[in-house]
Amino acid sequence: MKSIAALLFLAAPAFAEAPCGPTDQVFQKLAVEYGEEIVVTGTVQDTRMAVWANQETQTWTATMTRGDLTCIQAAGVGFAAILPKPNL
């Protein structure tokens, strides 16, 4: 499994309790080493949540970013995009 995930507290209750690092370094590691890209993103107050995924390997990582600090909240395997049903 990912070396990032080795430090992971799954479903960490607080932002600061999760493994964190400078945003540019965390993003580069997810993109370059794991081939993941952001597939879902949203903002809650001053925190940006993102789900990164690699469609081929089906790995995924959930991150939370506040300012220049990004924390990994969860990571795993078996990613699958669930698309909404079209309106008929």
PDB file of N, CA and C in Angstrom:
ATOM      1  N   MET A   1       0.842  -1.179   0.000  1.00  0.00           N
ATOM      2  CA  MET A   1       0.000   0.000   0.000  1.00  0.00           C
ATOM      3  C   MET A   1       0.883   1.236   0.000  1.00  0.00           C
ATOM      4  N   LYS A   2       0.308   2.345  -0.247  1.00  0.00           N
ATOM      5  CA  LYS A   2       1.042   3.597  -0.357  1.00  0.00           C
ATOM      6  C   LYS A   2       1.835   3.912   0.909  1.00  0.00           C
ATOM      7  N   SER A   3       3.008   4.510   0.723  1.00  0.00           N
ATOM      8  CA  SER A   3       3.781   4.931   1.885  1.00  0.00           C
ATOM      9  C   SER A   3       3.080   6.070   2.608  1.00  0.00           C
ATOM     10  N   ILE A   4       2.359   6.910   1.878  1.00  0.00           N
ATOM     11  CA  ILE A   4       1.593   7.980   2.522  1.00  0.00           C
ATOM     12  C   ILE A   4       0.558   7.366   3.451  1.00  0.00           C
ATOM     13  N   ALA A   5      -0.106   6.341   2.991  1.00  0.00           N
ATOM     14  CA  ALA A   5      -1.176   5.731   3.778  1.00  0.00           C
ATOM     15  C   ALA A   5      -0.660   5.039   5.025  1.00  0.00           C
ATOM     16  N   ALA A   6       0.619   4.701   5.052  1.00  0.00           N
ATOM     17  CA  ALA A   6       1.182   4.029   6.222  1.00  0.00           C
ATOM     18  C   ALA A   6       1.065   4.891   7.468  1.00  0.00           C
ATOM     19  N   LEU A   7       1.036   6.206   7.296  1.00  0.00           N
ATOM     20  CA  LEU A   7       0.927   7.119   8.434  1.00  0.00           C
ATOM     21  C   LEU A   7      -0.505   7.517   8.731  1.00  0.00           C
ATOM     22  N   LEU A   8      -1.395   6.977   7.992  1.00  0.00           N
ATOM     23  CA  LEU A   8      -2.775   7.437   7.981  1.00  0.00           C
ATOM     24  C   LEU A   8      -3.568   7.021   9.209  1.00  0.00           C
ATOM     25  N   PHE A   9      -4.318   7.958   9.738  1.00  0.00           N
ATOM     26  CA  PHE A   9      -5.333   7.660  10.739  1.00  0.00           C
ATOM     27  C   PHE A   9      -6.652   7.702   9.983  1.00  0.00           C
ATOM     28  N   LEU A  10      -7.236   6.554   9.697  1.00  0.00           N
ATOM     29  CA  LEU A  10      -8.471   6.533   8.924  1.00  0.00           C
ATOM     30  C   LEU A  10      -9.564   7.289   9.659  1.00  0.00           C
ATOM     31  N   ALA A  11     -10.230   8.126   8.896  1.00  0.00           N
ATOM     32  CA  ALA A  11     -11.317   8.950   9.422  1.00  0.00           C
ATOM     33  C   ALA A  11     -10.863   9.759  10.630  1.00  0.00           C
ATOM     34  N   ALA A  12      -9.698  10.372  10.534  1.00  0.00           N
ATOM     35  CA  ALA A  12      -9.180  11.189  11.626  1.00  0.00           C
ATOM     36  C   ALA A  12     -10.173  12.288  11.979  1.00  0.00           C
ATOM     37  N   PRO A  13     -10.505  12.420  13.250  1.00  0.00           N
ATOM     38  CA  PRO A  13     -11.542  13.360  13.643  1.00  0.00           C
ATOM     39  C   PRO A  13     -11.138  14.821  13.537  1.00  0.00           C
ATOM     40  N   ALA A  14      -9.873  15.139  13.626  1.00  0.00           N
ATOM     41  CA  ALA A  14      -9.457  16.541  13.602  1.00  0.00           C
ATOM     42  C   ALA A  14      -8.420  16.760  12.512  1.00  0.00           C
ATOM     43  N   PHE A  15      -8.472  17.950  11.917  1.00  0.00           N
ATOM     44  CA  PHE A  15      -7.584  18.306  10.815  1.00  0.00           C
ATOM     45  C   PHE A  15      -6.118  18.094  11.189  1.00  0.00           C
ATOM     46  N   ALA A  16      -5.710  18.560  12.337  1.00  0.00           N
ATOM     47  CA  ALA A  16      -4.301  18.514  12.721  1.00  0.00           C
ATOM     48  C   ALA A  16      -3.817  17.124  13.134  1.00  0.00           C
ATOM     49  N   GLU A  17      -4.711  16.185  13.384  1.00  0.00           N
ATOM     50  CA  GLU A  17      -4.296  14.853  13.810  1.00  0.00           C
ATOM     51  C   GLU A  17      -3.864  13.973  12.638  1.00  0.00           C
ATOM     52  N   ALA A  18      -4.214  14.345  11.430  1.00  0.00           N
ATOM     53  CA  ALA A  18      -3.865  13.558  10.241  1.00  0.00           C
ATOM     54  C   ALA A  18      -2.447  13.901   9.805  1.00  0.00           C
ATOM     55  N   PRO A  19      -1.797  13.010   9.007  1.00  0.00           N
ATOM     56  CA  PRO A  19      -0.462  13.336   8.487  1.00  0.00           C
ATOM     57  C   PRO A  19      -0.569  14.515   7.524  1.00  0.00           C
ATOM     58  N   CYS A  20       0.247  15.523   7.753  1.00  0.00           N
ATOM     59  CA  CYS A  20       0.162  16.765   6.991  1.00  0.00           C
ATOM     60  C   CYS A  20       1.519  17.163   6.424  1.00  0.00           C
ATOM     61  N   GLY A  21       1.482  18.032   5.421  1.00  0.00           N
ATOM     62  CA  GLY A  21       2.705  18.555   4.839  1.00  0.00           C
ATOM     63  C   GLY A  21       2.393  19.760   3.980  1.00  0.00           C
ATOM     64  N   PRO A  22       3.443  20.415   3.466  1.00  0.00           N
ATOM     65  CA  PRO A  22       3.233  21.545   2.567  1.00  0.00           C
ATOM     66  C   PRO A  22       2.391  21.111   1.361  1.00  0.00           C
ATOM     67  N   THR A  23       1.409  21.914   1.016  1.00  0.00           N
ATOM     68  CA  THR A  23       0.465  21.562  -0.044  1.00  0.00           C
ATOM     69  C   THR A  23       1.160  21.169  -1.336  1.00  0.00           C
ATOM     70  N   ASP A  24       2.135  21.958  -1.793  1.00  0.00           N
ATOM     71  CA  ASP A  24       2.786  21.640  -3.066  1.00  0.00           C
ATOM     72  C   ASP A  24       3.496  20.293  -3.027  1.00  0.00           C
ATOM     73  N   GLN A  25       4.079  19.921  -1.900  1.00  0.00           N
ATOM     74  CA  GLN A  25       4.770  18.638  -1.794  1.00  0.00           C
ATOM     75  C   GLN A  25       3.792  17.468  -1.756  1.00  0.00           C
ATOM     76  N   VAL A  26       2.698  17.617  -1.016  1.00  0.00           N
ATOM     77  CA  VAL A  26       1.699  16.549  -0.937  1.00  0.00           C
ATOM     78  C   VAL A  26       1.061  16.341  -2.306  1.00  0.00           C
ATOM     79  N   PHE A  27       0.674  17.436  -2.978  1.00  0.00           N
ATOM     80  CA  PHE A  27       0.051  17.340  -4.299  1.00  0.00           C
ATOM     81  C   PHE A  27       0.996  16.709  -5.312  1.00  0.00           C
ATOM     82  N   GLN A  28       2.281  17.097  -5.265  1.00  0.00           N
ATOM     83  CA  GLN A  28       3.253  16.534  -6.207  1.00  0.00           C
ATOM     84  C   GLN A  28       3.416  15.030  -5.972  1.00  0.00           C
ATOM     85  N   LYS A  29       3.482  14.616  -4.724  1.00  0.00           N
ATOM     86  CA  LYS A  29       3.639  13.189  -4.420  1.00  0.00           C
ATOM     87  C   LYS A  29       2.440  12.391  -4.925  1.00  0.00           C
ATOM     88  N   LEU A  30       1.237  12.899  -4.700  1.00  0.00           N
ATOM     89  CA  LEU A  30       0.040  12.191  -5.167  1.00  0.00           C
ATOM     90  C   LEU A  30       0.012  12.101  -6.693  1.00  0.00           C
ATOM     91  N   ALA A  31       0.371  13.183  -7.364  1.00  0.00           N
ATOM     92  CA  ALA A  31       0.325  13.216  -8.833  1.00  0.00           C
ATOM     93  C   ALA A  31       1.447  12.411  -9.467  1.00  0.00           C
ATOM     94  N   VAL A  32       2.675  12.604  -9.008  1.00  0.00           N
ATOM     95  CA  VAL A  32       3.835  11.997  -9.657  1.00  0.00           C
ATOM     96  C   VAL A  32       4.039  10.548  -9.228  1.00  0.00           C
ATOM     97  N   GLU A  33       4.048  10.299  -7.933  1.00  0.00           N
ATOM     98  CA  GLU A  33       4.351   8.950  -7.453  1.00  0.00           C
ATOM     99  C   GLU A  33       3.174   7.980  -7.579  1.00  0.00           C
ATOM    100  N   TYR A  34       1.945   8.489  -7.446  1.00  0.00           N
ATOM    101  CA  TYR A  34       0.792   7.603  -7.458  1.00  0.00           C
ATOM    102  C   TYR A  34      -0.100   7.792  -8.680  1.00  0.00           C
ATOM    103  N   GLY A  35       0.205   8.779  -9.513  1.00  0.00           N
ATOM    104  CA  GLY A  35      -0.569   9.003 -10.721  1.00  0.00           C
ATOM    105  C   GLY A  35      -2.000   9.410 -10.440  1.00  0.00           C
ATOM    106  N   GLU A  36      -2.234  10.002  -9.282  1.00  0.00           N
ATOM    107  CA  GLU A  36      -3.590  10.412  -8.932  1.00  0.00           C
ATOM    108  C   GLU A  36      -3.848  11.849  -9.369  1.00  0.00           C
ATOM    109  N   GLU A  37      -5.118  12.135  -9.627  1.00  0.00           N
ATOM    110  CA  GLU A  37      -5.540  13.490  -9.961  1.00  0.00           C
ATOM    111  C   GLU A  37      -6.828  13.778  -9.209  1.00  0.00           C
ATOM    112  N   ILE A  38      -7.122  15.053  -9.026  1.00  0.00           N
ATOM    113  CA  ILE A  38      -8.329  15.429  -8.294  1.00  0.00           C
ATOM    114  C   ILE A  38      -9.550  15.076  -9.130  1.00  0.00           C
ATOM    115  N   VAL A  39     -10.480  14.336  -8.519  1.00  0.00           N
ATOM    116  CA  VAL A  39     -11.716  13.954  -9.204  1.00  0.00           C
ATOM    117  C   VAL A  39     -12.950  14.584  -8.554  1.00  0.00           C
ATOM    118  N   VAL A  40     -12.815  15.008  -7.296  1.00  0.00           N
ATOM    119  CA  VAL A  40     -13.905  15.668  -6.573  1.00  0.00           C
ATOM    120  C   VAL A  40     -13.279  16.719  -5.670  1.00  0.00           C
ATOM    121  N   THR A  41     -13.893  17.882  -5.597  1.00  0.00           N
ATOM    122  CA  THR A  41     -13.386  18.913  -4.700  1.00  0.00           C
ATOM    123  C   THR A  41     -14.532  19.787  -4.212  1.00  0.00           C
ATOM    124  N   GLY A  42     -14.345  20.372  -3.048  1.00  0.00           N
ATOM    125  CA  GLY A  42     -15.345  21.272  -2.478  1.00  0.00           C
ATOM    126  C   GLY A  42     -14.745  22.029  -1.310  1.00  0.00           C
ATOM    127  N   THR A  43     -15.435  23.061  -0.872  1.00  0.00           N
ATOM    128  CA  THR A  43     -14.934  23.910   0.204  1.00  0.00           C
ATOM    129  C   THR A  43     -15.929  23.958   1.349  1.00  0.00           C
ATOM    130  N   VAL A  44     -15.398  23.869   2.561  1.00  0.00           N
ATOM    131  CA  VAL A  44     -16.174  24.055   3.779  1.00  0.00           C
ATOM    132  C   VAL A  44     -15.451  25.111   4.590  1.00  0.00           C
ATOM    133  N   GLN A  45     -16.074  26.247   4.773  1.00  0.00           N
ATOM    134  CA  GLN A  45     -15.473  27.395   5.459  1.00  0.00           C
ATOM    135  C   GLN A  45     -14.113  27.695   4.830  1.00  0.00           C
ATOM    136  N   ASP A  46     -13.023  27.574   5.564  1.00  0.00           N
ATOM    137  CA  ASP A  46     -11.702  27.900   5.015  1.00  0.00           C
ATOM    138  C   ASP A  46     -10.895  26.654   4.645  1.00  0.00           C
ATOM    139  N   THR A  47     -11.554  25.517   4.519  1.00  0.00           N
ATOM    140  CA  THR A  47     -10.876  24.253   4.230  1.00  0.00           C
ATOM    141  C   THR A  47     -11.368  23.682   2.905  1.00  0.00           C
ATOM    142  N   ARG A  48     -10.431  23.283   2.062  1.00  0.00           N
ATOM    143  CA  ARG A  48     -10.753  22.688   0.759  1.00  0.00           C
ATOM    144  C   ARG A  48     -10.559  21.183   0.856  1.00  0.00           C
ATOM    145  N   MET A  49     -11.606  20.428   0.544  1.00  0.00           N
ATOM    146  CA  MET A  49     -11.556  18.973   0.547  1.00  0.00           C
ATOM    147  C   MET A  49     -11.383  18.513  -0.887  1.00  0.00           C
ATOM    148  N   ALA A  50     -10.581  17.464  -1.091  1.00  0.00           N
ATOM    149  CA  ALA A  50     -10.417  16.904  -2.432  1.00  0.00           C
ATOM    150  C   ALA A  50     -10.269  15.393  -2.338  1.00  0.00           C
ATOM    151  N   VAL A  51     -10.794  14.722  -3.342  1.00  0.00           N
ATOM    152  CA  VAL A  51     -10.552  13.291  -3.502  1.00  0.00           C
ATOM    153  C   VAL A  51      -9.716  13.147  -4.757  1.00  0.00           C
ATOM    154  N   TRP A  52      -8.562  12.522  -4.589  1.00  0.00           N
ATOM    155  CA  TRP A  52      -7.645  12.229  -5.683  1.00  0.00           C
ATOM    156  C   TRP A  52      -7.842  10.768  -6.058  1.00  0.00           C
ATOM    157  N   ALA A  53      -7.673  10.428  -7.335  1.00  0.00           N
ATOM    158  CA  ALA A  53      -7.816   9.027  -7.728  1.00  0.00           C
ATOM    159  C   ALA A  53      -6.978   8.720  -8.960  1.00  0.00           C
ATOM    160  N   ASN A  54      -6.594   7.457  -9.054  1.00  0.00           N
ATOM    161  CA  ASN A  54      -5.933   6.929 -10.242  1.00  0.00           C
ATOM    162  C   ASN A  54      -6.909   5.912 -10.826  1.00  0.00           C
ATOM    163  N   GLN A  55      -7.480   6.236 -11.975  1.00  0.00           N
ATOM    164  CA  GLN A  55      -8.502   5.384 -12.587  1.00  0.00           C
ATOM    165  C   GLN A  55      -7.954   3.997 -12.947  1.00  0.00           C
ATOM    166  N   GLU A  56      -6.678   3.917 -13.321  1.00  0.00           N
ATOM    167  CA  GLU A  56      -6.089   2.630 -13.739  1.00  0.00           C
ATOM    168  C   GLU A  56      -5.806   1.714 -12.557  1.00  0.00           C
ATOM    169  N   THR A  57      -5.148   2.249 -11.524  1.00  0.00           N
ATOM    170  CA  THR A  57      -4.798   1.414 -10.371  1.00  0.00           C
ATOM    171  C   THR A  57      -5.909   1.364  -9.329  1.00  0.00           C
ATOM    172  N   GLN A  58      -6.883   2.244  -9.465  1.00  0.00           N
ATOM    173  CA  GLN A  58      -8.033   2.360  -8.570  1.00  0.00           C
ATOM    174  C   GLN A  58      -7.652   2.773  -7.154  1.00  0.00           C
ATOM    175  N   THR A  59      -6.500   3.449  -6.995  1.00  0.00           N
ATOM    176  CA  THR A  59      -6.158   3.997  -5.687  1.00  0.00           C
ATOM    177  C   THR A  59      -6.835   5.355  -5.538  1.00  0.00           C
ATOM    178  N   TRP A  60      -7.063   5.771  -4.289  1.00  0.00           N
ATOM    179  CA  TRP A  60      -7.649   7.075  -4.022  1.00  0.00           C
ATOM    180  C   TRP A  60      -7.107   7.627  -2.712  1.00  0.00           C
ATOM    181  N   THR A  61      -7.147   8.956  -2.599  1.00  0.00           N
ATOM    182  CA  THR A  61      -6.694   9.651  -1.403  1.00  0.00           C
ATOM    183  C   THR A  61      -7.620  10.830  -1.153  1.00  0.00           C
ATOM    184  N   ALA A  62      -8.064  11.002   0.081  1.00  0.00           N
ATOM    185  CA  ALA A  62      -8.872  12.162   0.469  1.00  0.00           C
ATOM    186  C   ALA A  62      -7.978  13.130   1.228  1.00  0.00           C
ATOM    187  N   THR A  63      -7.969  14.389   0.784  1.00  0.00           N
ATOM    188  CA  THR A  63      -7.143  15.408   1.422  1.00  0.00           C
ATOM    189  C   THR A  63      -7.995  16.580   1.884  1.00  0.00           C
ATOM    190  N   MET A  64      -7.457  17.304   2.874  1.00  0.00           N
ATOM    191  CA  MET A  64      -8.046  18.562   3.313  1.00  0.00           C
ATOM    192  C   MET A  64      -6.925  19.587   3.318  1.00  0.00           C
ATOM    193  N   THR A  65      -7.180  20.746   2.716  1.00  0.00           N
ATOM    194  CA  THR A  65      -6.167  21.793   2.602  1.00  0.00           C
ATOM    195  C   THR A  65      -6.677  23.066   3.245  1.00  0.00           C
ATOM    196  N   ARG A  66      -5.842  23.642   4.091  1.00  0.00           N
ATOM    197  CA  ARG A  66      -6.118  24.934   4.708  1.00  0.00           C
ATOM    198  C   ARG A  66      -4.848  25.755   4.565  1.00  0.00           C
ATOM    199  N   GLY A  67      -4.932  26.820   3.792  1.00  0.00           N
ATOM    200  CA  GLY A  67      -3.741  27.636   3.528  1.00  0.00           C
ATOM    201  C   GLY A  67      -2.726  26.823   2.754  1.00  0.00           C
ATOM    202  N   ASP A  68      -1.493  26.788   3.237  1.00  0.00           N
ATOM    203  CA  ASP A  68      -0.418  26.046   2.577  1.00  0.00           C
ATOM    204  C   ASP A  68      -0.178  24.683   3.218  1.00  0.00           C
ATOM    205  N   LEU A  69      -1.135  24.183   3.983  1.00  0.00           N
ATOM    206  CA  LEU A  69      -0.996  22.897   4.662  1.00  0.00           C
ATOM    207  C   LEU A  69      -2.068  21.929   4.153  1.00  0.00           C
ATOM    208  N   THR A  70      -1.630  20.753   3.723  1.00  0.00           N
ATOM    209  CA  THR A  70      -2.562  19.714   3.271  1.00  0.00           C
ATOM    210  C   THR A  70      -2.393  18.491   4.148  1.00  0.00           C
ATOM    211  N   CYS A  71      -3.523  17.930   4.582  1.00  0.00           N
ATOM    212  CA  CYS A  71      -3.519  16.733   5.414  1.00  0.00           C
ATOM    213  C   CYS A  71      -4.259  15.608   4.698  1.00  0.00           C
ATOM    214  N   ILE A  72      -3.720  14.415   4.823  1.00  0.00           N
ATOM    215  CA  ILE A  72      -4.350  13.235   4.251  1.00  0.00           C
ATOM    216  C   ILE A  72      -5.326  12.683   5.280  1.00  0.00           C
ATOM    217  N   GLN A  73      -6.575  12.577   4.877  1.00  0.00           N
ATOM    218  CA  GLN A  73      -7.627  12.117   5.775  1.00  0.00           C
ATOM    219  C   GLN A  73      -7.906  10.631   5.636  1.00  0.00           C
ATOM    220  N   ALA A  74      -7.744  10.109   4.432  1.00  0.00           N
ATOM    221  CA  ALA A  74      -7.992   8.689   4.178  1.00  0.00           C
ATOM    222  C   ALA A  74      -7.394   8.332   2.831  1.00  0.00           C
ATOM    223  N   ALA A  75      -7.113   7.048   2.628  1.00  0.00           N
ATOM    224  CA  ALA A  75      -6.599   6.560   1.347  1.00  0.00           C
ATOM    225  C   ALA A  75      -6.962   5.090   1.232  1.00  0.00           C
ATOM    226  N   GLY A  76      -7.084   4.628  -0.001  1.00  0.00           N
ATOM    227  CA  GLY A  76      -7.436   3.227  -0.163  1.00  0.00           C
ATOM    228  C   GLY A  76      -7.385   2.778  -1.607  1.00  0.00           C
ATOM    229  N   VAL A  77      -8.012   1.651  -1.857  1.00  0.00           N
ATOM    230  CA  VAL A  77      -8.065   1.062  -3.190  1.00  0.00           C
ATOM    231  C   VAL A  77      -9.523   0.775  -3.538  1.00  0.00           C
ATOM    232  N   GLY A  78      -9.760   0.493  -4.797  1.00  0.00           N
ATOM    233  CA  GLY A  78     -11.103   0.168  -5.243  1.00  0.00           C
ATOM    234  C   GLY A  78     -11.902   1.382  -5.666  1.00  0.00           C
ATOM    235  N   PHE A  79     -11.217   2.459  -6.080  1.00  0.00           N
ATOM    236  CA  PHE A  79     -11.936   3.653  -6.523  1.00  0.00           C
ATOM    237  C   PHE A  79     -12.794   3.337  -7.736  1.00  0.00           C
ATOM    238  N   ALA A  80     -14.016   3.836  -7.714  1.00  0.00           N
ATOM    239  CA  ALA A  80     -14.924   3.724  -8.861  1.00  0.00           C
ATOM    240  C   ALA A  80     -15.775   4.980  -8.910  1.00  0.00           C
ATOM    241  N   ALA A  81     -15.822   5.627 -10.047  1.00  0.00           N
ATOM    242  CA  ALA A  81     -16.661   6.813 -10.210  1.00  0.00           C
ATOM    243  C   ALA A  81     -18.105   6.370 -10.407  1.00  0.00           C
ATOM    244  N   ILE A  82     -18.991   6.948  -9.623  1.00  0.00           N
ATOM    245  CA  ILE A  82     -20.418   6.672  -9.755  1.00  0.00           C
ATOM    246  C   ILE A  82     -21.039   7.897 -10.411  1.00  0.00           C
ATOM    247  N   LEU A  83     -21.446   7.760 -11.645  1.00  0.00           N
ATOM    248  CA  LEU A  83     -22.018   8.887 -12.378  1.00  0.00           C
ATOM    249  C   LEU A  83     -23.513   8.930 -12.156  1.00  0.00           C
ATOM    250  N   PRO A  84     -24.072  10.142 -12.102  1.00  0.00           N
ATOM    251  CA  PRO A  84     -25.524  10.245 -11.899  1.00  0.00           C
ATOM    252  C   PRO A  84     -26.277   9.685 -13.111  1.00  0.00           C
ATOM    253  N   LYS A  85     -27.471   9.177 -12.844  1.00  0.00           N
ATOM    254  CA  LYS A  85     -28.301   8.672 -13.929  1.00  0.00           C
ATOM    255  C   LYS A  85     -28.811   9.854 -14.751  1.00  0.00           C
ATOM    256  N   PRO A  86     -28.836   9.718 -16.052  1.00  0.00           N
ATOM    257  CA  PRO A  86     -29.354  10.823 -16.878  1.00  0.00           C
ATOM    258  C   PRO A  86     -30.858  10.997 -16.679  1.00  0.00           C
ATOM    259  N   ASN A  87     -31.309  12.228 -16.767  1.00  0.00           N
ATOM    260  CA  ASN A  87     -32.748  12.504 -16.689  1.00  0.00           C
ATOM    261  C   ASN A  87     -33.398  12.037 -17.979  1.00  0.00           C
ATOM    262  N   LEU A  88     -34.400  11.225 -17.851  1.00  0.00           N
ATOM    263  CA  LEU A  88     -35.090  10.717 -19.051  1.00  0.00           C
ATOM    264  C   LEU A  88     -36.376  11.448 -19.295  1.00  0.00           C
TER     265      LEU A  88
END
